[in-house]
Amino acid sequence: MLYGAGMPETPSPRSGNALLRVAIALFAIGLLAILAIFLTPIVSACGPPLWLYLVAMSATPLGLLLALVFALRSGRHVR
């Protein structure tokens, strides 16, 4: 099929993509915090700080939850 002036070339981005990007960013930050928790005792003589535990415990599950919300919302729009 020919792409003329009446047919859009690329679909417009939906606002739900922002939710997915936030979810991926939070999940990645949480995973990096978990990795830092394990690497801190190897690199230094002291244990990881409390804020690192708090970031790992909050960002990782929140990112996973937002990704699930995105998947459920985008699956309902396809019909």
PDB file of N, CA and C in Angstrom:
ATOM      1  N   MET A   1       0.839  -1.168   0.000  1.00  0.00           N
ATOM      2  CA  MET A   1       0.000   0.000   0.000  1.00  0.00           C
ATOM      3  C   MET A   1       0.887   1.235   0.000  1.00  0.00           C
ATOM      4  N   LEU A   2       0.500   2.238  -0.751  1.00  0.00           N
ATOM      5  CA  LEU A   2       1.262   3.465  -0.842  1.00  0.00           C
ATOM      6  C   LEU A   2       0.937   4.377   0.329  1.00  0.00           C
ATOM      7  N   TYR A   3       1.974   5.032   0.818  1.00  0.00           N
ATOM      8  CA  TYR A   3       1.771   5.969   1.917  1.00  0.00           C
ATOM      9  C   TYR A   3       1.600   7.361   1.330  1.00  0.00           C
ATOM     10  N   GLY A   4       0.393   7.826   1.311  1.00  0.00           N
ATOM     11  CA  GLY A   4       0.102   9.142   0.761  1.00  0.00           C
ATOM     12  C   GLY A   4      -0.043  10.172   1.856  1.00  0.00           C
ATOM     13  N   ALA A   5      -0.590  11.282   1.464  1.00  0.00           N
ATOM     14  CA  ALA A   5      -0.756  12.384   2.409  1.00  0.00           C
ATOM     15  C   ALA A   5      -1.835  12.081   3.438  1.00  0.00           C
ATOM     16  N   GLY A   6      -2.761  11.184   3.112  1.00  0.00           N
ATOM     17  CA  GLY A   6      -3.858  10.892   4.019  1.00  0.00           C
ATOM     18  C   GLY A   6      -3.524   9.877   5.089  1.00  0.00           C
ATOM     19  N   MET A   7      -2.399   9.160   4.963  1.00  0.00           N
ATOM     20  CA  MET A   7      -2.036   8.120   5.926  1.00  0.00           C
ATOM     21  C   MET A   7      -0.873   8.585   6.788  1.00  0.00           C
ATOM     22  N   PRO A   8      -0.985   8.474   8.085  1.00  0.00           N
ATOM     23  CA  PRO A   8       0.132   8.870   8.947  1.00  0.00           C
ATOM     24  C   PRO A   8       1.283   7.879   8.819  1.00  0.00           C
ATOM     25  N   GLU A   9       2.502   8.388   8.869  1.00  0.00           N
ATOM     26  CA  GLU A   9       3.679   7.531   8.728  1.00  0.00           C
ATOM     27  C   GLU A   9       4.033   6.827  10.030  1.00  0.00           C
ATOM     28  N   THR A  10       3.910   7.517  11.139  1.00  0.00           N
ATOM     29  CA  THR A  10       4.224   6.911  12.436  1.00  0.00           C
ATOM     30  C   THR A  10       3.057   7.156  13.377  1.00  0.00           C
ATOM     31  N   PRO A  11       2.757   6.177  14.208  1.00  0.00           N
ATOM     32  CA  PRO A  11       1.681   6.389  15.181  1.00  0.00           C
ATOM     33  C   PRO A  11       2.114   7.375  16.246  1.00  0.00           C
ATOM     34  N   SER A  12       1.164   8.124  16.747  1.00  0.00           N
ATOM     35  CA  SER A  12       1.486   9.102  17.792  1.00  0.00           C
ATOM     36  C   SER A  12       1.747   8.384  19.111  1.00  0.00           C
ATOM     37  N   PRO A  13       2.726   8.850  19.877  1.00  0.00           N
ATOM     38  CA  PRO A  13       3.011   8.192  21.161  1.00  0.00           C
ATOM     39  C   PRO A  13       1.894   8.441  22.155  1.00  0.00           C
ATOM     40  N   ARG A  14       1.575   7.399  22.890  1.00  0.00           N
ATOM     41  CA  ARG A  14       0.522   7.524  23.907  1.00  0.00           C
ATOM     42  C   ARG A  14       1.140   7.949  25.225  1.00  0.00           C
ATOM     43  N   SER A  15       0.313   8.482  26.087  1.00  0.00           N
ATOM     44  CA  SER A  15       0.802   8.920  27.394  1.00  0.00           C
ATOM     45  C   SER A  15       1.169   7.741  28.280  1.00  0.00           C
ATOM     46  N   GLY A  16       0.688   6.535  27.955  1.00  0.00           N
ATOM     47  CA  GLY A  16       1.011   5.354  28.732  1.00  0.00           C
ATOM     48  C   GLY A  16       2.463   4.948  28.617  1.00  0.00           C
ATOM     49  N   ASN A  17       3.122   5.368  27.532  1.00  0.00           N
ATOM     50  CA  ASN A  17       4.535   5.046  27.392  1.00  0.00           C
ATOM     51  C   ASN A  17       5.369   5.707  28.481  1.00  0.00           C
ATOM     52  N   ALA A  18       4.938   6.847  28.968  1.00  0.00           N
ATOM     53  CA  ALA A  18       5.644   7.509  30.060  1.00  0.00           C
ATOM     54  C   ALA A  18       5.577   6.656  31.327  1.00  0.00           C
ATOM     55  N   LEU A  19       4.441   6.012  31.543  1.00  0.00           N
ATOM     56  CA  LEU A  19       4.298   5.131  32.699  1.00  0.00           C
ATOM     57  C   LEU A  19       5.280   3.967  32.611  1.00  0.00           C
ATOM     58  N   LEU A  20       5.438   3.416  31.421  1.00  0.00           N
ATOM     59  CA  LEU A  20       6.377   2.313  31.241  1.00  0.00           C
ATOM     60  C   LEU A  20       7.811   2.775  31.458  1.00  0.00           C
ATOM     61  N   ARG A  21       8.144   3.940  30.982  1.00  0.00           N
ATOM     62  CA  ARG A  21       9.510   4.464  31.179  1.00  0.00           C
ATOM     63  C   ARG A  21       9.809   4.711  32.646  1.00  0.00           C
ATOM     64  N   VAL A  22       8.833   5.238  33.366  1.00  0.00           N
ATOM     65  CA  VAL A  22       9.016   5.457  34.808  1.00  0.00           C
ATOM     66  C   VAL A  22       9.167   4.120  35.525  1.00  0.00           C
ATOM     67  N   ALA A  23       8.372   3.140  35.126  1.00  0.00           N
ATOM     68  CA  ALA A  23       8.443   1.816  35.753  1.00  0.00           C
ATOM     69  C   ALA A  23       9.798   1.172  35.511  1.00  0.00           C
ATOM     70  N   ILE A  24      10.296   1.259  34.292  1.00  0.00           N
ATOM     71  CA  ILE A  24      11.607   0.669  33.977  1.00  0.00           C
ATOM     72  C   ILE A  24      12.711   1.399  34.735  1.00  0.00           C
ATOM     73  N   ALA A  25      12.606   2.724  34.809  1.00  0.00           N
ATOM     74  CA  ALA A  25      13.633   3.496  35.526  1.00  0.00           C
ATOM     75  C   ALA A  25      13.647   3.148  37.015  1.00  0.00           C
ATOM     76  N   LEU A  26      12.475   3.070  37.636  1.00  0.00           N
ATOM     77  CA  LEU A  26      12.418   2.727  39.058  1.00  0.00           C
ATOM     78  C   LEU A  26      12.942   1.314  39.313  1.00  0.00           C
ATOM     79  N   PHE A  27      12.570   0.380  38.451  1.00  0.00           N
ATOM     80  CA  PHE A  27      13.032  -0.990  38.621  1.00  0.00           C
ATOM     81  C   PHE A  27      14.545  -1.076  38.458  1.00  0.00           C
ATOM     82  N   ALA A  28      15.084  -0.357  37.489  1.00  0.00           N
ATOM     83  CA  ALA A  28      16.540  -0.361  37.279  1.00  0.00           C
ATOM     84  C   ALA A  28      17.271   0.287  38.459  1.00  0.00           C
ATOM     85  N   ILE A  29      16.727   1.361  38.988  1.00  0.00           N
ATOM     86  CA  ILE A  29      17.335   2.004  40.155  1.00  0.00           C
ATOM     87  C   ILE A  29      17.322   1.052  41.344  1.00  0.00           C
ATOM     88  N   GLY A  30      16.227   0.334  41.519  1.00  0.00           N
ATOM     89  CA  GLY A  30      16.148  -0.643  42.606  1.00  0.00           C
ATOM     90  C   GLY A  30      17.157  -1.764  42.443  1.00  0.00           C
ATOM     91  N   LEU A  31      17.315  -2.258  41.209  1.00  0.00           N
ATOM     92  CA  LEU A  31      18.302  -3.318  40.974  1.00  0.00           C
ATOM     93  C   LEU A  31      19.734  -2.826  41.194  1.00  0.00           C
ATOM     94  N   LEU A  32      20.001  -1.595  40.796  1.00  0.00           N
ATOM     95  CA  LEU A  32      21.331  -1.031  41.057  1.00  0.00           C
ATOM     96  C   LEU A  32      21.576  -0.862  42.554  1.00  0.00           C
ATOM     97  N   ALA A  33      20.544  -0.508  43.301  1.00  0.00           N
ATOM     98  CA  ALA A  33      20.691  -0.388  44.746  1.00  0.00           C
ATOM     99  C   ALA A  33      20.966  -1.751  45.381  1.00  0.00           C
ATOM    100  N   ILE A  34      20.297  -2.789  44.884  1.00  0.00           N
ATOM    101  CA  ILE A  34      20.552  -4.141  45.403  1.00  0.00           C
ATOM    102  C   ILE A  34      21.980  -4.568  45.092  1.00  0.00           C
ATOM    103  N   LEU A  35      22.424  -4.276  43.886  1.00  0.00           N
ATOM    104  CA  LEU A  35      23.803  -4.590  43.511  1.00  0.00           C
ATOM    105  C   LEU A  35      24.798  -3.829  44.384  1.00  0.00           C
ATOM    106  N   ALA A  36      24.499  -2.567  44.664  1.00  0.00           N
ATOM    107  CA  ALA A  36      25.376  -1.773  45.520  1.00  0.00           C
ATOM    108  C   ALA A  36      25.405  -2.307  46.951  1.00  0.00           C
ATOM    109  N   ILE A  37      24.295  -2.840  47.433  1.00  0.00           N
ATOM    110  CA  ILE A  37      24.251  -3.419  48.779  1.00  0.00           C
ATOM    111  C   ILE A  37      25.212  -4.598  48.871  1.00  0.00           C
ATOM    112  N   PHE A  38      25.240  -5.427  47.821  1.00  0.00           N
ATOM    113  CA  PHE A  38      26.144  -6.576  47.845  1.00  0.00           C
ATOM    114  C   PHE A  38      27.598  -6.191  47.613  1.00  0.00           C
ATOM    115  N   LEU A  39      27.838  -5.127  46.854  1.00  0.00           N
ATOM    116  CA  LEU A  39      29.217  -4.741  46.549  1.00  0.00           C
ATOM    117  C   LEU A  39      29.853  -3.862  47.630  1.00  0.00           C
ATOM    118  N   THR A  40      29.055  -3.203  48.444  1.00  0.00           N
ATOM    119  CA  THR A  40      29.612  -2.307  49.461  1.00  0.00           C
ATOM    120  C   THR A  40      30.521  -3.018  50.459  1.00  0.00           C
ATOM    121  N   PRO A  41      30.166  -4.165  51.012  1.00  0.00           N
ATOM    122  CA  PRO A  41      31.083  -4.826  51.945  1.00  0.00           C
ATOM    123  C   PRO A  41      32.363  -5.342  51.277  1.00  0.00           C
ATOM    124  N   ILE A  42      32.285  -5.630  49.985  1.00  0.00           N
ATOM    125  CA  ILE A  42      33.474  -6.103  49.280  1.00  0.00           C
ATOM    126  C   ILE A  42      34.460  -4.965  49.059  1.00  0.00           C
ATOM    127  N   VAL A  43      33.931  -3.782  48.737  1.00  0.00           N
ATOM    128  CA  VAL A  43      34.779  -2.642  48.398  1.00  0.00           C
ATOM    129  C   VAL A  43      35.268  -1.894  49.636  1.00  0.00           C
ATOM    130  N   SER A  44      34.441  -1.789  50.650  1.00  0.00           N
ATOM    131  CA  SER A  44      34.822  -1.024  51.838  1.00  0.00           C
ATOM    132  C   SER A  44      34.707  -1.899  53.088  1.00  0.00           C
ATOM    133  N   ALA A  45      35.171  -1.358  54.179  1.00  0.00           N
ATOM    134  CA  ALA A  45      35.165  -2.097  55.441  1.00  0.00           C
ATOM    135  C   ALA A  45      33.830  -1.967  56.183  1.00  0.00           C
ATOM    136  N   CYS A  46      33.003  -1.019  55.784  1.00  0.00           N
ATOM    137  CA  CYS A  46      31.724  -0.830  56.487  1.00  0.00           C
ATOM    138  C   CYS A  46      30.571  -1.377  55.651  1.00  0.00           C
ATOM    139  N   GLY A  47      29.444  -1.487  56.302  1.00  0.00           N
ATOM    140  CA  GLY A  47      28.252  -1.998  55.641  1.00  0.00           C
ATOM    141  C   GLY A  47      27.549  -0.923  54.828  1.00  0.00           C
ATOM    142  N   PRO A  48      26.549  -1.315  54.050  1.00  0.00           N
ATOM    143  CA  PRO A  48      25.810  -0.331  53.257  1.00  0.00           C
ATOM    144  C   PRO A  48      24.973   0.596  54.129  1.00  0.00           C
ATOM    145  N   PRO A  49      24.779   1.828  53.691  1.00  0.00           N
ATOM    146  CA  PRO A  49      23.973   2.769  54.481  1.00  0.00           C
ATOM    147  C   PRO A  49      22.485   2.437  54.415  1.00  0.00           C
ATOM    148  N   LEU A  50      21.748   2.984  55.354  1.00  0.00           N
ATOM    149  CA  LEU A  50      20.318   2.721  55.464  1.00  0.00           C
ATOM    150  C   LEU A  50      19.557   3.196  54.240  1.00  0.00           C
ATOM    151  N   TRP A  51      19.929   4.344  53.672  1.00  0.00           N
ATOM    152  CA  TRP A  51      19.200   4.878  52.529  1.00  0.00           C
ATOM    153  C   TRP A  51      19.277   3.939  51.330  1.00  0.00           C
ATOM    154  N   LEU A  52      20.351   3.180  51.221  1.00  0.00           N
ATOM    155  CA  LEU A  52      20.485   2.232  50.126  1.00  0.00           C
ATOM    156  C   LEU A  52      19.473   1.093  50.271  1.00  0.00           C
ATOM    157  N   TYR A  53      19.295   0.626  51.493  1.00  0.00           N
ATOM    158  CA  TYR A  53      18.270  -0.390  51.757  1.00  0.00           C
ATOM    159  C   TYR A  53      16.868   0.148  51.455  1.00  0.00           C
ATOM    160  N   LEU A  54      16.611   1.383  51.839  1.00  0.00           N
ATOM    161  CA  LEU A  54      15.291   1.974  51.614  1.00  0.00           C
ATOM    162  C   LEU A  54      14.990   2.153  50.125  1.00  0.00           C
ATOM    163  N   VAL A  55      16.006   2.563  49.362  1.00  0.00           N
ATOM    164  CA  VAL A  55      15.821   2.697  47.917  1.00  0.00           C
ATOM    165  C   VAL A  55      15.555   1.339  47.295  1.00  0.00           C
ATOM    166  N   ALA A  56      16.305   0.320  47.706  1.00  0.00           N
ATOM    167  CA  ALA A  56      16.127  -1.021  47.149  1.00  0.00           C
ATOM    168  C   ALA A  56      14.758  -1.584  47.504  1.00  0.00           C
ATOM    169  N   MET A  57      14.301  -1.326  48.726  1.00  0.00           N
ATOM    170  CA  MET A  57      13.021  -1.880  49.159  1.00  0.00           C
ATOM    171  C   MET A  57      11.828  -1.142  48.587  1.00  0.00           C
ATOM    172  N   SER A  58      12.013   0.091  48.139  1.00  0.00           N
ATOM    173  CA  SER A  58      10.869   0.840  47.623  1.00  0.00           C
ATOM    174  C   SER A  58      10.858   0.927  46.099  1.00  0.00           C
ATOM    175  N   ALA A  59      11.993   1.164  45.481  1.00  0.00           N
ATOM    176  CA  ALA A  59      12.022   1.395  44.030  1.00  0.00           C
ATOM    177  C   ALA A  59      11.758   0.121  43.229  1.00  0.00           C
ATOM    178  N   THR A  60      12.318  -1.002  43.649  1.00  0.00           N
ATOM    179  CA  THR A  60      12.164  -2.239  42.879  1.00  0.00           C
ATOM    180  C   THR A  60      10.710  -2.714  42.832  1.00  0.00           C
ATOM    181  N   PRO A  61      10.028  -2.872  43.962  1.00  0.00           N
ATOM    182  CA  PRO A  61       8.632  -3.315  43.871  1.00  0.00           C
ATOM    183  C   PRO A  61       7.708  -2.275  43.244  1.00  0.00           C
ATOM    184  N   LEU A  62       8.000  -0.990  43.463  1.00  0.00           N
ATOM    185  CA  LEU A  62       7.167   0.049  42.866  1.00  0.00           C
ATOM    186  C   LEU A  62       7.303   0.040  41.342  1.00  0.00           C
ATOM    187  N   GLY A  63       8.516  -0.157  40.851  1.00  0.00           N
ATOM    188  CA  GLY A  63       8.713  -0.264  39.409  1.00  0.00           C
ATOM    189  C   GLY A  63       8.007  -1.467  38.827  1.00  0.00           C
ATOM    190  N   LEU A  64       8.061  -2.587  39.525  1.00  0.00           N
ATOM    191  CA  LEU A  64       7.361  -3.790  39.062  1.00  0.00           C
ATOM    192  C   LEU A  64       5.845  -3.574  39.067  1.00  0.00           C
ATOM    193  N   LEU A  65       5.329  -2.935  40.100  1.00  0.00           N
ATOM    194  CA  LEU A  65       3.900  -2.663  40.185  1.00  0.00           C
ATOM    195  C   LEU A  65       3.445  -1.728  39.062  1.00  0.00           C
ATOM    196  N   LEU A  66       4.224  -0.692  38.780  1.00  0.00           N
ATOM    197  CA  LEU A  66       3.859   0.223  37.705  1.00  0.00           C
ATOM    198  C   LEU A  66       3.922  -0.464  36.344  1.00  0.00           C
ATOM    199  N   ALA A  67       4.867  -1.369  36.167  1.00  0.00           N
ATOM    200  CA  ALA A  67       4.942  -2.116  34.908  1.00  0.00           C
ATOM    201  C   ALA A  67       3.726  -3.022  34.735  1.00  0.00           C
ATOM    202  N   LEU A  68       3.268  -3.627  35.817  1.00  0.00           N
ATOM    203  CA  LEU A  68       2.063  -4.446  35.746  1.00  0.00           C
ATOM    204  C   LEU A  68       0.826  -3.607  35.448  1.00  0.00           C
ATOM    205  N   VAL A  69       0.742  -2.434  36.044  1.00  0.00           N
ATOM    206  CA  VAL A  69      -0.369  -1.528  35.768  1.00  0.00           C
ATOM    207  C   VAL A  69      -0.344  -1.120  34.298  1.00  0.00           C
ATOM    208  N   PHE A  70       0.839  -0.817  33.770  1.00  0.00           N
ATOM    209  CA  PHE A  70       0.953  -0.467  32.357  1.00  0.00           C
ATOM    210  C   PHE A  70       0.509  -1.617  31.460  1.00  0.00           C
ATOM    211  N   ALA A  71       0.923  -2.837  31.797  1.00  0.00           N
ATOM    212  CA  ALA A  71       0.559  -4.000  30.984  1.00  0.00           C
ATOM    213  C   ALA A  71      -0.948  -4.234  31.007  1.00  0.00           C
ATOM    214  N   LEU A  72      -1.555  -4.085  32.154  1.00  0.00           N
ATOM    215  CA  LEU A  72      -3.000  -4.285  32.243  1.00  0.00           C
ATOM    216  C   LEU A  72      -3.780  -3.186  31.500  1.00  0.00           C
ATOM    217  N   ARG A  73      -3.320  -1.951  31.620  1.00  0.00           N
ATOM    218  CA  ARG A  73      -3.999  -0.853  30.934  1.00  0.00           C
ATOM    219  C   ARG A  73      -3.822  -0.920  29.426  1.00  0.00           C
ATOM    220  N   SER A  74      -2.648  -1.284  28.962  1.00  0.00           N
ATOM    221  CA  SER A  74      -2.426  -1.344  27.519  1.00  0.00           C
ATOM    222  C   SER A  74      -3.118  -2.548  26.913  1.00  0.00           C
ATOM    223  N   GLY A  75      -3.291  -3.619  27.651  1.00  0.00           N
ATOM    224  CA  GLY A  75      -3.999  -4.790  27.151  1.00  0.00           C
ATOM    225  C   GLY A  75      -5.472  -4.537  26.977  1.00  0.00           C
ATOM    226  N   ARG A  76      -6.038  -3.672  27.762  1.00  0.00           N
ATOM    227  CA  ARG A  76      -7.471  -3.367  27.653  1.00  0.00           C
ATOM    228  C   ARG A  76      -7.764  -2.431  26.493  1.00  0.00           C
ATOM    229  N   HIS A  77      -6.802  -1.624  26.067  1.00  0.00           N
ATOM    230  CA  HIS A  77      -7.021  -0.670  24.984  1.00  0.00           C
ATOM    231  C   HIS A  77      -6.966  -1.322  23.614  1.00  0.00           C
ATOM    232  N   VAL A  78      -6.401  -2.492  23.496  1.00  0.00           N
ATOM    233  CA  VAL A  78      -6.178  -3.127  22.204  1.00  0.00           C
ATOM    234  C   VAL A  78      -7.483  -3.599  21.573  1.00  0.00           C
ATOM    235  N   ARG A  79      -8.432  -4.013  22.334  1.00  0.00           N
ATOM    236  CA  ARG A  79      -9.689  -4.554  21.798  1.00  0.00           C
ATOM    237  C   ARG A  79     -10.196  -3.664  20.725  1.00  0.00           C
TER     238      ARG A  79
END
